[in-house]
Amino acid sequence: MLSDDALGYWASELLAHDLRVTSCADVEFAARAGFALLDLLADRRRALIVDSICLGGVPGTIHYFPMRTDTPGRHLTGSHQLSLPAALALGVKLGYRLPDQIDILAVEASDVTTLGTHMTPAVRATLPRLADLVRTWASGRAMDIPKAKLEWHEHA
């Protein structure tokens, strides 16, 4: 893993034994992205993806994106050969039954080049807030975070 790219792993470790989450949702760490997520998402009613992101904002900023065609899946860190919106569109064409609701909680990363699982302080400090947001999402309540305003659009 590359420093702040470990966010998903640490968030899953924090929530995997949290009964407020696991009583109503599955918590899975997935070291994959794009097309490789289709099997994990298949046959679920809804999904929440927690990851780090590089949009050039203030490190540690939490973004909330409901999945749309302009969701910045290309900027979620990691080895994403195919953006998440493009992968989901392809999955539908291939006959996958995908969730009606897919949301993303993404934290603005600072360092995604240093090899290791030690996140930068700004990103590590978001874990308690992320856990609260995941608990809220899992319970079906509205999250206390505005939807991110997107200024980026994926190009073909």
Protein backbone atom coordinates (compact mmCIF):
# COMPACT_ATOMS: atom_id res chain seq x y z
CA MET A 1 0.00 0.00 0.00
CA LEU A 2 1.02 3.56 -0.53
CA SER A 3 0.67 5.58 2.70
CA ASP A 4 -2.74 7.32 2.52
CA ASP A 5 -4.00 4.63 0.14
CA ALA A 6 -4.18 2.45 3.27
CA LEU A 7 -7.28 4.36 4.38
CA GLY A 8 -9.69 1.69 3.12
CA TYR A 9 -7.79 -1.03 4.95
CA TRP A 10 -7.70 0.85 8.27
CA ALA A 11 -11.36 1.88 7.98
CA SER A 12 -12.37 -1.75 7.37
CA GLU A 13 -10.27 -2.88 10.34
CA LEU A 14 -11.96 -0.27 12.55
CA LEU A 15 -15.48 -1.21 11.43
CA ALA A 16 -15.22 -5.00 10.96
CA HIS A 17 -16.16 -5.69 14.59
CA ASP A 18 -18.47 -2.71 15.11
CA LEU A 19 -21.89 -4.24 15.80
CA ARG A 20 -23.62 -0.96 14.87
CA VAL A 21 -22.32 -1.54 11.34
CA THR A 22 -22.06 -5.33 11.03
CA SER A 23 -25.61 -5.88 12.30
CA CYS A 24 -26.93 -4.28 9.10
CA ALA A 25 -24.05 -4.30 6.60
CA ASP A 26 -21.09 -6.37 5.45
CA VAL A 27 -17.66 -4.80 5.92
CA GLU A 28 -15.10 -5.99 3.42
CA PHE A 29 -11.65 -4.75 2.56
CA ALA A 30 -11.10 -4.88 -1.19
CA ALA A 31 -7.63 -4.20 -2.52
CA ARG A 32 -9.05 -3.83 -6.00
CA ALA A 33 -10.84 -1.24 -8.04
CA GLY A 34 -12.82 -0.55 -11.18
CA PHE A 35 -13.85 -3.70 -13.05
CA ALA A 36 -12.45 -5.93 -10.28
CA LEU A 37 -15.19 -4.64 -7.92
CA LEU A 38 -18.09 -6.00 -9.98
CA ASP A 39 -18.14 -9.44 -8.35
CA LEU A 40 -18.03 -7.84 -4.91
CA LEU A 41 -20.89 -5.46 -5.70
CA ALA A 42 -23.09 -7.96 -7.56
CA ASP A 43 -26.46 -8.80 -6.00
CA ARG A 44 -26.24 -6.16 -3.26
CA ARG A 45 -29.00 -3.60 -2.68
CA ARG A 46 -26.64 -0.73 -1.88
CA ALA A 47 -22.95 -0.17 -1.28
CA LEU A 48 -20.64 2.35 0.32
CA ILE A 49 -17.05 2.58 -0.87
CA VAL A 50 -14.49 4.18 1.46
CA ASP A 51 -11.21 5.18 -0.14
CA SER A 52 -8.64 7.92 -0.45
CA ILE A 53 -8.78 10.35 -3.34
CA CYS A 54 -6.50 12.88 -5.01
CA LEU A 55 -8.43 15.92 -6.19
CA GLY A 56 -5.84 18.50 -5.13
CA GLY A 57 -7.77 19.68 -2.08
CA VAL A 58 -6.81 19.97 1.58
CA PRO A 59 -5.51 16.63 2.90
CA GLY A 60 -7.99 15.06 5.31
CA THR A 61 -11.06 16.62 3.69
CA ILE A 62 -13.90 14.10 3.55
CA HIS A 63 -15.87 14.02 0.31
CA TYR A 64 -19.22 12.32 -0.23
CA PHE A 65 -20.17 11.30 -3.76
CA PRO A 66 -23.34 9.49 -4.72
CA MET A 67 -22.43 7.38 -7.75
CA ARG A 68 -23.14 9.10 -11.04
CA THR A 69 -21.43 9.05 -14.39
CA ASP A 70 -19.33 12.07 -13.37
CA THR A 71 -18.20 10.63 -10.02
CA PRO A 72 -14.40 10.93 -9.94
CA GLY A 73 -13.66 7.22 -9.80
CA ARG A 74 -10.54 7.80 -11.86
CA HIS A 75 -9.03 9.80 -9.00
CA LEU A 76 -9.58 7.24 -6.23
CA THR A 77 -6.05 6.19 -5.43
CA GLY A 78 -4.72 2.76 -6.26
CA SER A 79 -4.29 0.88 -9.48
CA HIS A 80 -7.54 1.69 -11.24
CA GLN A 81 -7.24 0.76 -14.88
CA LEU A 82 -10.93 1.44 -15.50
CA SER A 83 -12.85 4.15 -13.66
CA LEU A 84 -15.57 2.97 -11.32
CA PRO A 85 -18.40 4.65 -13.30
CA ALA A 86 -17.14 3.04 -16.53
CA ALA A 87 -16.75 -0.34 -14.82
CA LEU A 88 -20.31 -0.19 -13.46
CA ALA A 89 -21.70 0.71 -16.89
CA LEU A 90 -19.82 -2.23 -18.39
CA GLY A 91 -21.06 -4.50 -15.60
CA VAL A 92 -24.68 -3.63 -16.40
CA LYS A 93 -24.06 -4.41 -20.07
CA LEU A 94 -22.57 -7.77 -19.04
CA GLY A 95 -25.66 -8.62 -17.00
CA TYR A 96 -24.43 -7.97 -13.44
CA ARG A 97 -27.18 -7.10 -10.97
CA LEU A 98 -25.57 -4.10 -9.30
CA PRO A 99 -26.78 -2.00 -6.36
CA ASP A 100 -29.32 0.73 -7.02
CA GLN A 101 -27.38 2.92 -4.60
CA ILE A 102 -23.60 3.19 -4.54
CA ASP A 103 -22.05 5.95 -2.48
CA ILE A 104 -18.45 6.91 -1.96
CA LEU A 105 -16.80 8.41 1.12
CA ALA A 106 -13.37 9.57 0.05
CA VAL A 107 -10.68 11.36 2.02
CA GLU A 108 -8.34 13.78 0.29
CA ALA A 109 -4.91 12.14 0.40
CA SER A 110 -1.59 13.82 1.04
CA ASP A 111 0.88 11.03 0.26
CA VAL A 112 0.18 8.21 -2.17
CA THR A 113 3.77 7.57 -3.20
CA THR A 114 5.47 6.34 -0.01
CA LEU A 115 5.37 2.56 0.29
CA GLY A 116 3.84 1.53 3.63
CA THR A 117 0.63 1.44 5.66
CA HIS A 118 1.35 4.49 7.82
CA MET A 119 -1.04 7.23 6.78
CA THR A 120 -0.25 10.91 7.09
CA PRO A 121 -1.62 12.55 10.27
CA ALA A 122 -4.33 14.53 8.41
CA VAL A 123 -5.76 11.39 6.81
CA ARG A 124 -5.37 9.17 9.90
CA ALA A 125 -7.26 11.79 11.95
CA THR A 126 -10.36 11.29 9.79
CA LEU A 127 -10.92 7.67 10.88
CA PRO A 128 -13.27 8.45 13.84
CA ARG A 129 -15.40 10.77 11.68
CA LEU A 130 -15.41 8.23 8.84
CA ALA A 131 -16.53 5.51 11.24
CA ASP A 132 -19.42 7.72 12.42
CA LEU A 133 -20.43 8.43 8.82
CA VAL A 134 -20.32 4.73 7.93
CA ARG A 135 -22.47 3.88 10.98
CA THR A 136 -25.00 6.50 9.91
CA TRP A 137 -25.01 5.25 6.32
CA ALA A 138 -25.36 1.60 7.39
CA SER A 139 -28.37 2.46 9.55
CA GLY A 140 -30.07 4.11 6.59
CA ARG A 141 -30.01 7.62 8.08
CA ALA A 142 -28.83 10.63 6.11
CA MET A 143 -25.15 11.42 6.60
CA ASP A 144 -24.26 14.79 8.09
CA ILE A 145 -21.99 15.75 5.22
CA PRO A 146 -22.81 17.69 2.06
CA LYS A 147 -22.53 16.03 -1.31
CA ALA A 148 -19.31 17.12 -2.95
CA LYS A 149 -19.63 19.62 -5.72
CA LEU A 150 -17.84 18.13 -8.69
CA GLU A 151 -15.80 20.31 -11.01
CA TRP A 152 -14.12 17.34 -12.68
CA HIS A 153 -15.54 15.29 -15.51
CA GLU A 154 -14.03 12.09 -16.86
CA HIS A 155 -12.87 12.25 -20.44
CA ALA A 156 -13.11 9.30 -22.79
